[in-house]
């Protein structure tokens, strides 16, 4: 089983409501539930930054990307990289402990 960092960026949808600078209504931006739910389904996970997860899985980085790319749009970004637990550092409490479990 390997550990991967998965980082994503979902580009916000542009709008043309003609509202100018006055915003007396809300604009709906895409929800990241589809991508986060599918990241969590890959295996044991830790959500350590707003758009980054650590995942323990038997899948390869390419297999992870293939599974997740159907939940993003053309201008979105996903980055998957294998974590070398012998050479990792973090200021986030508990991340190193989670990696070494």
PDB file of N, CA and C in Angstrom:
ATOM      1  N   UNK A   1       0.849  -1.174   0.000  1.00  0.00           N
ATOM      2  CA  UNK A   1       0.000   0.000   0.000  1.00  0.00           C
ATOM      3  C   UNK A   1       0.896   1.239   0.000  1.00  0.00           C
ATOM      4  N   UNK A   2       0.542   2.205  -0.823  1.00  0.00           N
ATOM      5  CA  UNK A   2       1.313   3.442  -0.942  1.00  0.00           C
ATOM      6  C   UNK A   2       0.488   4.620  -0.456  1.00  0.00           C
ATOM      7  N   UNK A   3       1.200   5.696  -0.169  1.00  0.00           N
ATOM      8  CA  UNK A   3       0.560   6.941   0.257  1.00  0.00           C
ATOM      9  C   UNK A   3       0.765   7.977  -0.839  1.00  0.00           C
ATOM     10  N   UNK A   4      -0.314   8.671  -1.180  1.00  0.00           N
ATOM     11  CA  UNK A   4      -0.265   9.709  -2.200  1.00  0.00           C
ATOM     12  C   UNK A   4      -0.825  11.006  -1.655  1.00  0.00           C
ATOM     13  N   UNK A   5      -0.273  12.101  -2.135  1.00  0.00           N
ATOM     14  CA  UNK A   5      -0.870  13.407  -1.927  1.00  0.00           C
ATOM     15  C   UNK A   5      -1.694  13.715  -3.161  1.00  0.00           C
ATOM     16  N   UNK A   6      -2.932  14.109  -2.952  1.00  0.00           N
ATOM     17  CA  UNK A   6      -3.811  14.519  -4.047  1.00  0.00           C
ATOM     18  C   UNK A   6      -4.212  15.958  -3.768  1.00  0.00           C
ATOM     19  N   UNK A   7      -3.858  16.835  -4.687  1.00  0.00           N
ATOM     20  CA  UNK A   7      -4.196  18.244  -4.584  1.00  0.00           C
ATOM     21  C   UNK A   7      -5.034  18.613  -5.798  1.00  0.00           C
ATOM     22  N   UNK A   8      -6.081  19.381  -5.569  1.00  0.00           N
ATOM     23  CA  UNK A   8      -6.940  19.755  -6.680  1.00  0.00           C
ATOM     24  C   UNK A   8      -7.273  21.239  -6.622  1.00  0.00           C
ATOM     25  N   UNK A   9      -7.631  21.782  -7.773  1.00  0.00           N
ATOM     26  CA  UNK A   9      -8.110  23.149  -7.876  1.00  0.00           C
ATOM     27  C   UNK A   9      -9.293  23.137  -8.838  1.00  0.00           C
ATOM     28  N   UNK A  10     -10.437  23.590  -8.383  1.00  0.00           N
ATOM     29  CA  UNK A  10     -11.621  23.685  -9.219  1.00  0.00           C
ATOM     30  C   UNK A  10     -11.837  25.151  -9.579  1.00  0.00           C
ATOM     31  N   UNK A  11     -11.710  25.435 -10.847  1.00  0.00           N
ATOM     32  CA  UNK A  11     -11.877  26.809 -11.301  1.00  0.00           C
ATOM     33  C   UNK A  11     -13.318  27.243 -11.073  1.00  0.00           C
ATOM     34  N   UNK A  12     -13.488  28.418 -10.490  1.00  0.00           N
ATOM     35  CA  UNK A  12     -14.832  28.930 -10.260  1.00  0.00           C
ATOM     36  C   UNK A  12     -15.457  29.312 -11.583  1.00  0.00           C
ATOM     37  N   UNK A  13     -16.733  29.051 -11.697  1.00  0.00           N
ATOM     38  CA  UNK A  13     -17.452  29.389 -12.918  1.00  0.00           C
ATOM     39  C   UNK A  13     -17.618  30.897 -13.015  1.00  0.00           C
ATOM     40  N   UNK A  14     -17.423  31.403 -14.221  1.00  0.00           N
ATOM     41  CA  UNK A  14     -17.656  32.827 -14.422  1.00  0.00           C
ATOM     42  C   UNK A  14     -19.154  33.047 -14.591  1.00  0.00           C
ATOM     43  N   UNK A  15     -19.568  34.255 -14.392  1.00  0.00           N
ATOM     44  CA  UNK A  15     -20.981  34.551 -14.542  1.00  0.00           C
ATOM     45  C   UNK A  15     -21.150  35.889 -15.250  1.00  0.00           C
ATOM     46  N   UNK A  16     -22.289  36.108 -15.805  1.00  0.00           N
ATOM     47  CA  UNK A  16     -22.604  37.392 -16.426  1.00  0.00           C
ATOM     48  C   UNK A  16     -24.027  37.761 -16.040  1.00  0.00           C
ATOM     49  N   UNK A  17     -24.185  38.131 -14.802  1.00  0.00           N
ATOM     50  CA  UNK A  17     -25.531  38.445 -14.313  1.00  0.00           C
ATOM     51  C   UNK A  17     -25.861  39.918 -14.518  1.00  0.00           C
ATOM     52  N   UNK A  18     -24.856  40.721 -14.889  1.00  0.00           N
ATOM     53  CA  UNK A  18     -25.108  42.139 -15.081  1.00  0.00           C
ATOM     54  C   UNK A  18     -25.259  42.892 -13.787  1.00  0.00           C
ATOM     55  N   UNK A  19     -24.775  42.335 -12.694  1.00  0.00           N
ATOM     56  CA  UNK A  19     -24.979  42.952 -11.388  1.00  0.00           C
ATOM     57  C   UNK A  19     -23.971  44.043 -11.088  1.00  0.00           C
ATOM     58  N   UNK A  20     -22.914  44.144 -11.878  1.00  0.00           N
ATOM     59  CA  UNK A  20     -21.908  45.161 -11.598  1.00  0.00           C
ATOM     60  C   UNK A  20     -21.266  44.932 -10.245  1.00  0.00           C
ATOM     61  N   UNK A  21     -21.058  46.004  -9.517  1.00  0.00           N
ATOM     62  CA  UNK A  21     -20.418  45.893  -8.211  1.00  0.00           C
ATOM     63  C   UNK A  21     -21.420  45.629  -7.094  1.00  0.00           C
ATOM     64  N   UNK A  22     -22.688  45.807  -7.351  1.00  0.00           N
ATOM     65  CA  UNK A  22     -23.704  45.606  -6.333  1.00  0.00           C
ATOM     66  C   UNK A  22     -24.128  44.141  -6.318  1.00  0.00           C
ATOM     67  N   UNK A  23     -23.976  43.482  -5.194  1.00  0.00           N
ATOM     68  CA  UNK A  23     -24.315  42.067  -5.080  1.00  0.00           C
ATOM     69  C   UNK A  23     -25.355  41.866  -3.991  1.00  0.00           C
ATOM     70  N   UNK A  24     -26.622  42.004  -4.369  1.00  0.00           N
ATOM     71  CA  UNK A  24     -27.700  41.765  -3.431  1.00  0.00           C
ATOM     72  C   UNK A  24     -28.238  40.350  -3.563  1.00  0.00           C
ATOM     73  N   UNK A  25     -27.536  39.536  -4.312  1.00  0.00           N
ATOM     74  CA  UNK A  25     -27.918  38.132  -4.499  1.00  0.00           C
ATOM     75  C   UNK A  25     -26.650  37.288  -4.478  1.00  0.00           C
ATOM     76  N   UNK A  26     -26.804  36.001  -4.393  1.00  0.00           N
ATOM     77  CA  UNK A  26     -25.659  35.100  -4.303  1.00  0.00           C
ATOM     78  C   UNK A  26     -25.407  34.416  -5.628  1.00  0.00           C
ATOM     79  N   UNK A  27     -24.139  34.205  -5.894  1.00  0.00           N
ATOM     80  CA  UNK A  27     -23.741  33.441  -7.074  1.00  0.00           C
ATOM     81  C   UNK A  27     -23.390  32.041  -6.614  1.00  0.00           C
ATOM     82  N   UNK A  28     -23.749  31.056  -7.387  1.00  0.00           N
ATOM     83  CA  UNK A  28     -23.469  29.678  -7.028  1.00  0.00           C
ATOM     84  C   UNK A  28     -22.164  29.229  -7.669  1.00  0.00           C
ATOM     85  N   UNK A  29     -21.252  28.818  -6.846  1.00  0.00           N
ATOM     86  CA  UNK A  29     -19.979  28.293  -7.331  1.00  0.00           C
ATOM     87  C   UNK A  29     -20.012  26.780  -7.183  1.00  0.00           C
ATOM     88  N   UNK A  30     -19.222  26.118  -7.990  1.00  0.00           N
ATOM     89  CA  UNK A  30     -19.232  24.660  -7.955  1.00  0.00           C
ATOM     90  C   UNK A  30     -18.854  24.135  -6.582  1.00  0.00           C
ATOM     91  N   UNK A  31     -19.516  23.083  -6.186  1.00  0.00           N
ATOM     92  CA  UNK A  31     -19.245  22.409  -4.928  1.00  0.00           C
ATOM     93  C   UNK A  31     -18.170  21.359  -5.188  1.00  0.00           C
ATOM     94  N   UNK A  32     -17.246  21.200  -4.282  1.00  0.00           N
ATOM     95  CA  UNK A  32     -16.183  20.209  -4.481  1.00  0.00           C
ATOM     96  C   UNK A  32     -16.545  18.845  -3.899  1.00  0.00           C
ATOM     97  N   UNK A  33     -17.835  18.639  -3.566  1.00  0.00           N
ATOM     98  CA  UNK A  33     -18.256  17.375  -2.962  1.00  0.00           C
ATOM     99  C   UNK A  33     -17.936  16.170  -3.838  1.00  0.00           C
ATOM    100  N   UNK A  34     -18.151  16.264  -5.142  1.00  0.00           N
ATOM    101  CA  UNK A  34     -17.902  15.120  -6.028  1.00  0.00           C
ATOM    102  C   UNK A  34     -16.439  14.701  -5.984  1.00  0.00           C
ATOM    103  N   UNK A  35     -15.539  15.655  -6.064  1.00  0.00           N
ATOM    104  CA  UNK A  35     -14.111  15.304  -6.066  1.00  0.00           C
ATOM    105  C   UNK A  35     -13.681  14.815  -4.685  1.00  0.00           C
ATOM    106  N   UNK A  36     -14.104  15.492  -3.620  1.00  0.00           N
ATOM    107  CA  UNK A  36     -13.662  15.063  -2.286  1.00  0.00           C
ATOM    108  C   UNK A  36     -14.260  13.715  -1.914  1.00  0.00           C
ATOM    109  N   UNK A  37     -15.508  13.488  -2.248  1.00  0.00           N
ATOM    110  CA  UNK A  37     -16.141  12.198  -1.961  1.00  0.00           C
ATOM    111  C   UNK A  37     -15.434  11.051  -2.666  1.00  0.00           C
ATOM    112  N   UNK A  38     -14.999  11.289  -3.882  1.00  0.00           N
ATOM    113  CA  UNK A  38     -14.309  10.242  -4.628  1.00  0.00           C
ATOM    114  C   UNK A  38     -12.858  10.070  -4.205  1.00  0.00           C
ATOM    115  N   UNK A  39     -12.241  11.117  -3.713  1.00  0.00           N
ATOM    116  CA  UNK A  39     -10.907  10.969  -3.120  1.00  0.00           C
ATOM    117  C   UNK A  39     -11.019  10.096  -1.867  1.00  0.00           C
ATOM    118  N   UNK A  40     -12.002  10.372  -1.036  1.00  0.00           N
ATOM    119  CA  UNK A  40     -12.189   9.610   0.201  1.00  0.00           C
ATOM    120  C   UNK A  40     -12.511   8.144  -0.072  1.00  0.00           C
ATOM    121  N   UNK A  41     -13.111   7.858  -1.218  1.00  0.00           N
ATOM    122  CA  UNK A  41     -13.459   6.478  -1.569  1.00  0.00           C
ATOM    123  C   UNK A  41     -12.250   5.663  -2.029  1.00  0.00           C
ATOM    124  N   UNK A  42     -11.103   6.303  -2.221  1.00  0.00           N
ATOM    125  CA  UNK A  42      -9.915   5.605  -2.711  1.00  0.00           C
ATOM    126  C   UNK A  42      -9.239   4.747  -1.642  1.00  0.00           C
ATOM    127  N   UNK A  43      -9.460   5.066  -0.379  1.00  0.00           N
ATOM    128  CA  UNK A  43      -8.817   4.330   0.707  1.00  0.00           C
ATOM    129  C   UNK A  43      -8.807   5.171   1.967  1.00  0.00           C
ATOM    130  N   UNK A  44      -7.935   4.811   2.884  1.00  0.00           N
ATOM    131  CA  UNK A  44      -7.780   5.583   4.110  1.00  0.00           C
ATOM    132  C   UNK A  44      -7.261   6.971   3.730  1.00  0.00           C
ATOM    133  N   UNK A  45      -7.833   8.018   4.314  1.00  0.00           N
ATOM    134  CA  UNK A  45      -7.475   9.361   3.883  1.00  0.00           C
ATOM    135  C   UNK A  45      -7.311  10.310   5.065  1.00  0.00           C
ATOM    136  N   UNK A  46      -6.572  11.392   4.800  1.00  0.00           N
ATOM    137  CA  UNK A  46      -6.415  12.490   5.754  1.00  0.00           C
ATOM    138  C   UNK A  46      -6.536  13.786   4.958  1.00  0.00           C
ATOM    139  N   UNK A  47      -7.396  14.678   5.417  1.00  0.00           N
ATOM    140  CA  UNK A  47      -7.610  15.972   4.768  1.00  0.00           C
ATOM    141  C   UNK A  47      -6.753  16.980   5.515  1.00  0.00           C
ATOM    142  N   UNK A  48      -5.580  17.283   4.986  1.00  0.00           N
ATOM    143  CA  UNK A  48      -4.617  18.066   5.752  1.00  0.00           C
ATOM    144  C   UNK A  48      -4.466  19.514   5.285  1.00  0.00           C
ATOM    145  N   UNK A  49      -5.020  19.857   4.134  1.00  0.00           N
ATOM    146  CA  UNK A  49      -5.040  21.240   3.647  1.00  0.00           C
ATOM    147  C   UNK A  49      -6.372  21.439   2.923  1.00  0.00           C
ATOM    148  N   UNK A  50      -6.790  22.679   2.698  1.00  0.00           N
ATOM    149  CA  UNK A  50      -8.125  22.895   2.121  1.00  0.00           C
ATOM    150  C   UNK A  50      -8.423  22.110   0.848  1.00  0.00           C
ATOM    151  N   UNK A  51      -7.470  21.965  -0.040  1.00  0.00           N
ATOM    152  CA  UNK A  51      -7.719  21.213  -1.265  1.00  0.00           C
ATOM    153  C   UNK A  51      -6.674  20.111  -1.463  1.00  0.00           C
ATOM    154  N   UNK A  52      -6.194  19.561  -0.366  1.00  0.00           N
ATOM    155  CA  UNK A  52      -5.204  18.484  -0.434  1.00  0.00           C
ATOM    156  C   UNK A  52      -5.545  17.367   0.537  1.00  0.00           C
ATOM    157  N   UNK A  53      -5.372  16.148   0.054  1.00  0.00           N
ATOM    158  CA  UNK A  53      -5.600  14.949   0.851  1.00  0.00           C
ATOM    159  C   UNK A  53      -4.381  14.059   0.784  1.00  0.00           C
ATOM    160  N   UNK A  54      -4.189  13.283   1.828  1.00  0.00           N
ATOM    161  CA  UNK A  54      -3.288  12.134   1.798  1.00  0.00           C
ATOM    162  C   UNK A  54      -4.173  10.907   1.711  1.00  0.00           C
ATOM    163  N   UNK A  55      -3.804   9.951   0.875  1.00  0.00           N
ATOM    164  CA  UNK A  55      -4.595   8.743   0.704  1.00  0.00           C
ATOM    165  C   UNK A  55      -3.676   7.528   0.704  1.00  0.00           C
ATOM    166  N   UNK A  56      -4.062   6.500   1.466  1.00  0.00           N
ATOM    167  CA  UNK A  56      -3.358   5.216   1.443  1.00  0.00           C
ATOM    168  C   UNK A  56      -4.169   4.283   0.552  1.00  0.00           C
ATOM    169  N   UNK A  57      -3.537   3.775  -0.505  1.00  0.00           N
ATOM    170  CA  UNK A  57      -4.246   2.957  -1.481  1.00  0.00           C
ATOM    171  C   UNK A  57      -3.292   2.021  -2.207  1.00  0.00           C
ATOM    172  N   UNK A  58      -3.847   1.001  -2.839  1.00  0.00           N
ATOM    173  CA  UNK A  58      -3.063   0.097  -3.679  1.00  0.00           C
ATOM    174  C   UNK A  58      -2.992   0.584  -5.124  1.00  0.00           C
ATOM    175  N   UNK A  59      -3.687   1.662  -5.434  1.00  0.00           N
ATOM    176  CA  UNK A  59      -3.689   2.203  -6.789  1.00  0.00           C
ATOM    177  C   UNK A  59      -2.395   2.958  -7.078  1.00  0.00           C
ATOM    178  N   UNK A  60      -2.068   3.111  -8.358  1.00  0.00           N
ATOM    179  CA  UNK A  60      -0.934   3.940  -8.761  1.00  0.00           C
ATOM    180  C   UNK A  60      -1.400   5.382  -8.935  1.00  0.00           C
ATOM    181  N   UNK A  61      -0.476   6.306  -9.086  1.00  0.00           N
ATOM    182  CA  UNK A  61      -0.833   7.706  -9.307  1.00  0.00           C
ATOM    183  C   UNK A  61      -1.672   7.850 -10.572  1.00  0.00           C
ATOM    184  N   UNK A  62      -1.315   7.153 -11.628  1.00  0.00           N
ATOM    185  CA  UNK A  62      -2.089   7.225 -12.873  1.00  0.00           C
ATOM    186  C   UNK A  62      -3.488   6.658 -12.707  1.00  0.00           C
ATOM    187  N   UNK A  63      -3.627   5.581 -11.963  1.00  0.00           N
ATOM    188  CA  UNK A  63      -4.951   5.002 -11.716  1.00  0.00           C
ATOM    189  C   UNK A  63      -5.829   5.956 -10.899  1.00  0.00           C
ATOM    190  N   UNK A  64      -5.222   6.618  -9.920  1.00  0.00           N
ATOM    191  CA  UNK A  64      -5.949   7.612  -9.121  1.00  0.00           C
ATOM    192  C   UNK A  64      -6.436   8.738 -10.023  1.00  0.00           C
ATOM    193  N   UNK A  65      -5.549   9.259 -10.859  1.00  0.00           N
ATOM    194  CA  UNK A  65      -5.914  10.346 -11.761  1.00  0.00           C
ATOM    195  C   UNK A  65      -7.043   9.928 -12.702  1.00  0.00           C
ATOM    196  N   UNK A  66      -6.968   8.730 -13.231  1.00  0.00           N
ATOM    197  CA  UNK A  66      -8.023   8.233 -14.129  1.00  0.00           C
ATOM    198  C   UNK A  66      -9.373   8.183 -13.418  1.00  0.00           C
ATOM    199  N   UNK A  67      -9.378   7.752 -12.165  1.00  0.00           N
ATOM    200  CA  UNK A  67     -10.632   7.662 -11.412  1.00  0.00           C
ATOM    201  C   UNK A  67     -11.214   9.039 -11.100  1.00  0.00           C
ATOM    202  N   UNK A  68     -10.345  10.029 -10.878  1.00  0.00           N
ATOM    203  CA  UNK A  68     -10.814  11.345 -10.443  1.00  0.00           C
ATOM    204  C   UNK A  68     -11.112  12.313 -11.579  1.00  0.00           C
ATOM    205  N   UNK A  69     -10.507  12.116 -12.731  1.00  0.00           N
ATOM    206  CA  UNK A  69     -10.648  13.123 -13.785  1.00  0.00           C
ATOM    207  C   UNK A  69     -12.071  13.254 -14.318  1.00  0.00           C
ATOM    208  N   UNK A  70     -12.907  12.265 -14.115  1.00  0.00           N
ATOM    209  CA  UNK A  70     -14.292  12.388 -14.574  1.00  0.00           C
ATOM    210  C   UNK A  70     -15.115  13.341 -13.699  1.00  0.00           C
ATOM    211  N   UNK A  71     -14.561  13.745 -12.553  1.00  0.00           N
ATOM    212  CA  UNK A  71     -15.288  14.622 -11.632  1.00  0.00           C
ATOM    213  C   UNK A  71     -14.817  16.071 -11.703  1.00  0.00           C
ATOM    214  N   UNK A  72     -13.970  16.376 -12.681  1.00  0.00           N
ATOM    215  CA  UNK A  72     -13.484  17.741 -12.855  1.00  0.00           C
ATOM    216  C   UNK A  72     -13.784  18.197 -14.278  1.00  0.00           C
ATOM    217  N   UNK A  73     -13.657  19.489 -14.482  1.00  0.00           N
ATOM    218  CA  UNK A  73     -13.890  20.072 -15.789  1.00  0.00           C
ATOM    219  C   UNK A  73     -12.563  20.431 -16.441  1.00  0.00           C
ATOM    220  N   UNK A  74     -12.627  20.867 -17.684  1.00  0.00           N
ATOM    221  CA  UNK A  74     -11.434  21.093 -18.499  1.00  0.00           C
ATOM    222  C   UNK A  74     -10.397  22.017 -17.863  1.00  0.00           C
ATOM    223  N   UNK A  75     -10.828  23.087 -17.224  1.00  0.00           N
ATOM    224  CA  UNK A  75      -9.888  24.063 -16.652  1.00  0.00           C
ATOM    225  C   UNK A  75      -9.477  23.751 -15.219  1.00  0.00           C
ATOM    226  N   UNK A  76      -9.965  22.658 -14.658  1.00  0.00           N
ATOM    227  CA  UNK A  76      -9.604  22.256 -13.297  1.00  0.00           C
ATOM    228  C   UNK A  76      -8.238  21.561 -13.304  1.00  0.00           C
ATOM    229  N   UNK A  77      -7.675  21.405 -12.123  1.00  0.00           N
ATOM    230  CA  UNK A  77      -6.357  20.790 -11.989  1.00  0.00           C
ATOM    231  C   UNK A  77      -6.377  19.737 -10.888  1.00  0.00           C
ATOM    232  N   UNK A  78      -5.714  18.615 -11.158  1.00  0.00           N
ATOM    233  CA  UNK A  78      -5.478  17.596 -10.135  1.00  0.00           C
ATOM    234  C   UNK A  78      -4.002  17.223 -10.212  1.00  0.00           C
ATOM    235  N   UNK A  79      -3.357  17.142  -9.057  1.00  0.00           N
ATOM    236  CA  UNK A  79      -1.959  16.715  -8.980  1.00  0.00           C
ATOM    237  C   UNK A  79      -1.888  15.558  -7.997  1.00  0.00           C
ATOM    238  N   UNK A  80      -1.292  14.440  -8.433  1.00  0.00           N
ATOM    239  CA  UNK A  80      -1.152  13.245  -7.593  1.00  0.00           C
ATOM    240  C   UNK A  80       0.319  12.889  -7.532  1.00  0.00           C
ATOM    241  N   UNK A  81       0.842  12.723  -6.343  1.00  0.00           N
ATOM    242  CA  UNK A  81       2.247  12.336  -6.196  1.00  0.00           C
ATOM    243  C   UNK A  81       2.406  11.366  -5.034  1.00  0.00           C
ATOM    244  N   UNK A  82       3.284  10.406  -5.200  1.00  0.00           N
ATOM    245  CA  UNK A  82       3.559   9.421  -4.156  1.00  0.00           C
ATOM    246  C   UNK A  82       4.385  10.067  -3.054  1.00  0.00           C
ATOM    247  N   UNK A  83       4.045   9.761  -1.826  1.00  0.00           N
ATOM    248  CA  UNK A  83       4.748  10.303  -0.663  1.00  0.00           C
ATOM    249  C   UNK A  83       5.853   9.333  -0.255  1.00  0.00           C
ATOM    250  N   UNK A  84       7.058   9.863  -0.089  1.00  0.00           N
ATOM    251  CA  UNK A  84       8.188   9.080   0.419  1.00  0.00           C
ATOM    252  C   UNK A  84       8.236   9.307   1.924  1.00  0.00           C
ATOM    253  N   UNK A  85       7.712   8.344   2.696  1.00  0.00           N
ATOM    254  CA  UNK A  85       7.599   8.589   4.135  1.00  0.00           C
ATOM    255  C   UNK A  85       8.938   8.654   4.847  1.00  0.00           C
ATOM    256  N   UNK A  86      10.016   8.320   4.154  1.00  0.00           N
ATOM    257  CA  UNK A  86      11.352   8.466   4.731  1.00  0.00           C
ATOM    258  C   UNK A  86      11.887   9.885   4.538  1.00  0.00           C
ATOM    259  N   UNK A  87      11.212  10.676   3.693  1.00  0.00           N
ATOM    260  CA  UNK A  87      11.688  12.022   3.395  1.00  0.00           C
ATOM    261  C   UNK A  87      10.493  12.957   3.249  1.00  0.00           C
ATOM    262  N   UNK A  88       9.854  13.261   4.373  1.00  0.00           N
ATOM    263  CA  UNK A  88       8.682  14.118   4.378  1.00  0.00           C
ATOM    264  C   UNK A  88       8.733  15.034   5.597  1.00  0.00           C
ATOM    265  N   UNK A  89       8.202  16.238   5.432  1.00  0.00           N
ATOM    266  CA  UNK A  89       8.154  17.192   6.542  1.00  0.00           C
ATOM    267  C   UNK A  89       6.819  17.918   6.491  1.00  0.00           C
ATOM    268  N   UNK A  90       6.312  18.356   7.637  1.00  0.00           N
ATOM    269  CA  UNK A  90       5.044  19.057   7.678  1.00  0.00           C
ATOM    270  C   UNK A  90       4.934  19.887   8.951  1.00  0.00           C
ATOM    271  N   UNK A  91       4.330  21.055   8.809  1.00  0.00           N
ATOM    272  CA  UNK A  91       4.007  21.875   9.979  1.00  0.00           C
ATOM    273  C   UNK A  91       2.615  21.553  10.515  1.00  0.00           C
ATOM    274  N   UNK A  92       1.854  20.765   9.755  1.00  0.00           N
ATOM    275  CA  UNK A  92       0.503  20.397  10.168  1.00  0.00           C
ATOM    276  C   UNK A  92       0.575  19.293  11.215  1.00  0.00           C
ATOM    277  N   UNK A  93       0.063  19.540  12.420  1.00  0.00           N
ATOM    278  CA  UNK A  93       0.147  18.530  13.486  1.00  0.00           C
ATOM    279  C   UNK A  93      -0.510  17.202  13.075  1.00  0.00           C
ATOM    280  N   UNK A  94       0.183  16.148  13.361  1.00  0.00           N
ATOM    281  CA  UNK A  94      -0.367  14.812  13.127  1.00  0.00           C
ATOM    282  C   UNK A  94      -0.139  14.225  11.747  1.00  0.00           C
ATOM    283  N   UNK A  95       0.291  15.033  10.774  1.00  0.00           N
ATOM    284  CA  UNK A  95       0.469  14.516   9.417  1.00  0.00           C
ATOM    285  C   UNK A  95       1.543  13.435   9.370  1.00  0.00           C
ATOM    286  N   UNK A  96       2.674  13.674   9.956  1.00  0.00           N
ATOM    287  CA  UNK A  96       3.759  12.695   9.939  1.00  0.00           C
ATOM    288  C   UNK A  96       3.332  11.426  10.665  1.00  0.00           C
ATOM    289  N   UNK A  97       2.649  11.588  11.807  1.00  0.00           N
ATOM    290  CA  UNK A  97       2.150  10.415  12.538  1.00  0.00           C
ATOM    291  C   UNK A  97       1.187   9.610  11.682  1.00  0.00           C
ATOM    292  N   UNK A  98       0.269  10.276  10.954  1.00  0.00           N
ATOM    293  CA  UNK A  98      -0.695   9.585  10.108  1.00  0.00           C
ATOM    294  C   UNK A  98       0.029   8.834   8.984  1.00  0.00           C
ATOM    295  N   UNK A  99       1.015   9.464   8.402  1.00  0.00           N
ATOM    296  CA  UNK A  99       1.779   8.844   7.311  1.00  0.00           C
ATOM    297  C   UNK A  99       2.483   7.587   7.819  1.00  0.00           C
ATOM    298  N   UNK A 100       3.011   7.644   9.018  1.00  0.00           N
ATOM    299  CA  UNK A 100       3.799   6.511   9.548  1.00  0.00           C
ATOM    300  C   UNK A 100       2.959   5.409  10.184  1.00  0.00           C
ATOM    301  N   UNK A 101       1.630   5.559  10.253  1.00  0.00           N
ATOM    302  CA  UNK A 101       0.769   4.523  10.808  1.00  0.00           C
ATOM    303  C   UNK A 101       0.777   3.316   9.917  1.00  0.00           C
TER     304      UNK A 101
END
